[in-house]
Amino acid sequence: DTEFVIPNWVKDVAKYWYENNIDDDSFIGTLKYLITHEVLIIPETDTKSTSSEIPAWVKNTAGWWADNKINDETFVNALQYLIEVGMIQIKISGSSGGGGY
């Protein structure tokens, strides 16, 4: 079993997003932080979707997590799935990536 350790401030950001106090781009910025700091591990994907709209039910999931109704692992699994299938687009820029040739 892998224990998920998500910084406490991320839960605050999720709650702000759930309550519409911040926009989708701000929440995606938080996801980028988690990915670049290897808190959220996402396999390399070749997604064709260009939609940047996050489904409304994802906000509900973030709200449940922020209110401790679901655990970190459940929240992370939902985010990983959405990124893998291209429903959430995360563009990580920079030349020092973990994936490679």
Protein backbone atom coordinates (compact mmCIF):
# COMPACT_ATOMS: atom_id res chain seq x y z
CA ASP A 1 0.00 0.00 0.00
CA THR A 2 1.23 3.42 -0.96
CA GLU A 3 0.49 6.21 1.47
CA PHE A 4 -0.51 9.45 -0.20
CA VAL A 5 0.97 12.54 1.39
CA ILE A 6 -0.63 15.66 0.01
CA PRO A 7 0.38 19.01 1.51
CA ASN A 8 -2.36 20.40 3.77
CA TRP A 9 -2.63 23.66 1.79
CA VAL A 10 -3.83 21.69 -1.25
CA LYS A 11 -7.02 20.80 0.61
CA ASP A 12 -7.64 24.53 1.18
CA VAL A 13 -7.17 25.18 -2.54
CA ALA A 14 -9.60 22.35 -3.38
CA LYS A 15 -12.19 23.86 -1.05
CA TYR A 16 -11.74 27.35 -2.58
CA TRP A 17 -12.20 25.82 -6.03
CA TYR A 18 -15.24 23.82 -4.94
CA GLU A 19 -16.81 27.01 -3.55
CA ASN A 20 -16.01 28.89 -6.79
CA ASN A 21 -13.60 31.25 -5.01
CA ILE A 22 -10.88 30.40 -7.53
CA ASP A 23 -11.15 29.43 -11.20
CA ASP A 24 -10.28 26.17 -12.95
CA ASP A 25 -6.91 27.52 -14.09
CA SER A 26 -5.88 28.20 -10.49
CA PHE A 27 -6.82 24.66 -9.50
CA ILE A 28 -4.94 23.26 -12.52
CA GLY A 29 -1.92 25.29 -11.38
CA THR A 30 -2.08 23.41 -8.09
CA LEU A 31 -2.23 20.10 -9.96
CA LYS A 32 0.83 21.14 -11.97
CA TYR A 33 2.66 21.83 -8.71
CA LEU A 34 1.74 18.38 -7.38
CA ILE A 35 2.91 16.72 -10.60
CA THR A 36 6.21 18.61 -10.87
CA HIS A 37 6.98 17.82 -7.21
CA GLU A 38 6.03 14.16 -7.80
CA VAL A 39 3.21 14.17 -5.26
CA LEU A 40 0.78 13.25 -8.05
CA ILE A 41 2.30 10.70 -10.44
CA ILE A 42 0.76 10.65 -13.90
CA PRO A 43 1.90 8.26 -16.64
CA GLU A 44 2.85 9.77 -19.98
CA THR A 45 -0.27 10.06 -22.12
CA ASP A 46 -0.99 11.05 -25.68
CA THR A 47 -4.31 12.79 -25.25
CA LYS A 48 -6.09 14.27 -28.22
CA SER A 49 -8.61 16.30 -26.23
CA THR A 50 -8.18 20.06 -26.20
CA SER A 51 -11.01 20.78 -23.78
CA SER A 52 -9.98 22.75 -20.74
CA GLU A 53 -13.37 22.55 -19.06
CA ILE A 54 -13.33 20.35 -16.00
CA PRO A 55 -16.51 18.32 -15.43
CA ALA A 56 -18.70 19.68 -12.61
CA TRP A 57 -18.61 16.39 -10.69
CA VAL A 58 -14.86 16.82 -10.22
CA LYS A 59 -15.57 19.90 -8.11
CA ASN A 60 -17.89 17.79 -5.96
CA THR A 61 -15.07 15.30 -5.46
CA ALA A 62 -12.71 18.13 -4.46
CA GLY A 63 -15.33 19.44 -2.04
CA TRP A 64 -15.83 16.01 -0.45
CA TRP A 65 -12.07 15.65 -0.06
CA ALA A 66 -11.75 19.15 1.43
CA ASP A 67 -14.50 18.24 3.93
CA ASN A 68 -12.78 14.91 4.76
CA LYS A 69 -15.65 12.85 3.33
CA ILE A 70 -13.23 10.93 1.09
CA ASN A 71 -9.57 10.10 1.72
CA ASP A 72 -6.46 11.33 -0.08
CA GLU A 73 -6.10 8.11 -2.07
CA THR A 74 -9.62 8.35 -3.49
CA PHE A 75 -9.07 11.98 -4.48
CA VAL A 76 -5.70 11.28 -6.08
CA ASN A 77 -7.12 8.29 -7.99
CA ALA A 78 -9.90 10.50 -9.39
CA LEU A 79 -7.39 13.15 -10.50
CA GLN A 80 -5.08 10.58 -12.06
CA TYR A 81 -7.95 9.07 -14.00
CA LEU A 82 -9.16 12.43 -15.31
CA ILE A 83 -5.69 13.42 -16.44
CA GLU A 84 -5.00 10.03 -18.04
CA VAL A 85 -8.20 10.14 -20.10
CA GLY A 86 -7.61 13.76 -21.08
CA MET A 87 -10.55 15.33 -19.23
CA ILE A 88 -8.09 17.54 -17.35
CA GLN A 89 -5.24 18.89 -19.47
CA ILE A 90 -1.98 19.55 -17.65
CA LYS A 91 0.86 21.07 -19.64
CA ILE A 92 4.16 20.84 -17.80
CA SER A 93 6.81 23.00 -19.40
CA GLY A 94 10.53 22.80 -18.91
CA SER A 95 13.36 20.61 -20.04
CA SER A 96 13.89 18.66 -16.82
CA GLY A 97 11.15 16.06 -17.08
CA GLY A 98 10.98 12.68 -15.45
CA GLY A 99 9.81 10.89 -18.58
CA GLY A 100 12.26 10.26 -21.30
CA TYR A 101 13.67 8.48 -24.20
